[in-house]
């Protein structure tokens, strides 16, 4: 199964790097490092399957993933999600927007804004 090029795709966008930095780009697979400064994004594969053919091996993988932007600022979390979505939609299909997520860690309010998408990735 291929690894989705989420990070390289977002890193190539000036709009995203203006919001999430460049060294490093604050986008991680599965979990962000402890004490990462806000805002940042985390993406995870939810489901993947080969697009099988009868006459030859699969040439495409169909991968469902989700991405969530976390921030201590509610409005900025939504704005970053919007920019990330606009960039990724050039390569995949957004299938759902997550309900807004909120949690409190110590004295910090954390807002999560995300979406689900499907990416058909050539092997």
Protein backbone atom coordinates (compact mmCIF):
# COMPACT_ATOMS: atom_id res chain seq x y z
CA UNK A 1 0.00 0.00 0.00
CA UNK A 2 1.31 3.44 -0.91
CA UNK A 3 1.87 6.18 1.64
CA UNK A 4 -0.28 9.20 0.92
CA UNK A 5 1.71 12.30 -0.06
CA UNK A 6 -0.21 14.53 2.35
CA UNK A 7 2.86 16.22 3.83
CA UNK A 8 4.71 16.86 0.53
CA UNK A 9 1.50 18.16 -1.04
CA UNK A 10 0.84 20.59 1.80
CA UNK A 11 4.52 21.57 2.03
CA UNK A 12 4.40 22.66 -1.63
CA UNK A 13 1.69 25.23 -0.82
CA UNK A 14 2.80 28.67 0.32
CA UNK A 15 -0.64 29.27 1.82
CA UNK A 16 -0.22 26.21 4.05
CA UNK A 17 3.41 26.90 5.00
CA UNK A 18 2.45 30.46 5.95
CA UNK A 19 0.02 28.94 8.50
CA UNK A 20 1.82 25.75 9.59
CA UNK A 21 5.50 26.63 9.18
CA UNK A 22 8.24 25.10 7.09
CA UNK A 23 10.88 23.75 9.46
CA UNK A 24 9.19 21.52 10.17
CA UNK A 25 5.81 21.74 8.50
CA UNK A 26 3.48 21.05 11.42
CA UNK A 27 1.60 18.17 9.77
CA UNK A 28 2.10 14.64 11.09
CA UNK A 29 0.81 11.16 10.40
CA UNK A 30 -1.20 9.71 13.30
CA UNK A 31 0.08 11.88 16.19
CA UNK A 32 1.94 15.13 16.73
CA UNK A 33 5.03 15.27 18.94
CA UNK A 34 4.40 16.29 22.56
CA UNK A 35 4.23 20.02 23.24
CA UNK A 36 3.85 20.97 19.57
CA UNK A 37 2.91 24.62 19.19
CA UNK A 38 -0.52 25.40 17.74
CA UNK A 39 -1.78 25.31 15.05
CA UNK A 40 -0.87 21.90 13.66
CA UNK A 41 -2.53 19.11 11.69
CA UNK A 42 -2.63 15.33 12.05
CA UNK A 43 -3.74 12.92 9.35
CA UNK A 44 -4.53 9.18 9.49
CA UNK A 45 -5.49 6.48 7.03
CA UNK A 46 -8.95 5.12 7.85
CA UNK A 47 -9.22 2.50 5.11
CA UNK A 48 -7.30 1.41 2.07
CA UNK A 49 -7.86 -1.11 -0.68
CA UNK A 50 -6.30 -1.90 -4.04
CA UNK A 51 -8.38 -1.08 -7.10
CA UNK A 52 -8.12 -4.63 -8.44
CA UNK A 53 -8.43 -5.66 -12.08
CA UNK A 54 -9.28 -9.06 -13.54
CA UNK A 55 -6.52 -9.02 -16.14
CA UNK A 56 -3.60 -7.53 -14.16
CA UNK A 57 -2.52 -6.47 -10.68
CA UNK A 58 -4.00 -3.29 -9.24
CA UNK A 59 -2.44 -0.08 -10.52
CA UNK A 60 -4.27 2.21 -8.09
CA UNK A 61 -4.92 2.19 -4.36
CA UNK A 62 -8.11 3.76 -3.02
CA UNK A 63 -7.24 5.27 0.35
CA UNK A 64 -9.66 6.93 2.77
CA UNK A 65 -8.10 9.27 5.29
CA UNK A 66 -8.98 12.00 7.72
CA UNK A 67 -7.14 15.13 8.70
CA UNK A 68 -7.72 17.33 11.74
CA UNK A 69 -6.31 20.78 12.48
CA UNK A 70 -5.77 21.52 16.17
CA UNK A 71 -5.48 25.01 17.59
CA UNK A 72 -6.10 26.96 20.77
CA UNK A 73 -7.84 29.61 18.65
CA UNK A 74 -11.25 28.47 17.39
CA UNK A 75 -11.43 30.77 14.36
CA UNK A 76 -7.87 30.06 13.24
CA UNK A 77 -8.48 26.28 13.45
CA UNK A 78 -11.38 26.68 11.00
CA UNK A 79 -9.36 28.96 8.72
CA UNK A 80 -6.41 26.54 8.58
CA UNK A 81 -8.79 23.65 7.83
CA UNK A 82 -10.21 25.66 4.93
CA UNK A 83 -6.78 26.27 3.39
CA UNK A 84 -5.66 22.65 3.91
CA UNK A 85 -8.89 21.45 2.31
CA UNK A 86 -8.47 23.73 -0.71
CA UNK A 87 -4.95 22.43 -1.32
CA UNK A 88 -5.74 18.73 -0.84
CA UNK A 89 -8.94 18.87 -2.92
CA UNK A 90 -6.75 19.33 -5.98
CA UNK A 91 -5.61 15.71 -5.47
CA UNK A 92 -8.41 13.91 -3.64
CA UNK A 93 -12.14 13.99 -2.92
CA UNK A 94 -13.46 15.41 0.34
CA UNK A 95 -16.29 13.19 1.52
CA UNK A 96 -17.27 14.67 4.90
CA UNK A 97 -16.57 17.55 7.23
CA UNK A 98 -16.12 16.53 10.88
CA UNK A 99 -18.30 18.04 13.55
CA UNK A 100 -16.36 20.69 15.44
CA UNK A 101 -14.36 19.14 18.27
CA UNK A 102 -13.47 20.76 21.59
CA UNK A 103 -11.48 19.59 24.59
CA UNK A 104 -9.68 21.18 27.51
CA UNK A 105 -6.11 20.19 28.34
CA UNK A 106 -4.98 21.75 31.63
CA UNK A 107 -5.93 25.43 31.21
CA UNK A 108 -5.90 25.35 27.40
CA UNK A 109 -8.96 25.08 25.18
CA UNK A 110 -8.20 22.94 22.13
CA UNK A 111 -10.33 23.12 18.99
CA UNK A 112 -10.23 20.40 16.33
CA UNK A 113 -11.46 21.02 12.81
CA UNK A 114 -11.20 18.27 10.22
CA UNK A 115 -12.54 16.39 7.25
CA UNK A 116 -12.51 12.95 5.58
CA UNK A 117 -11.30 12.38 2.04
CA UNK A 118 -10.63 9.66 -0.54
CA UNK A 119 -7.43 9.59 -2.56
CA UNK A 120 -6.96 7.36 -5.59
CA UNK A 121 -3.20 6.93 -5.62
CA UNK A 122 -1.35 5.42 -8.56
CA UNK A 123 1.14 2.72 -7.65
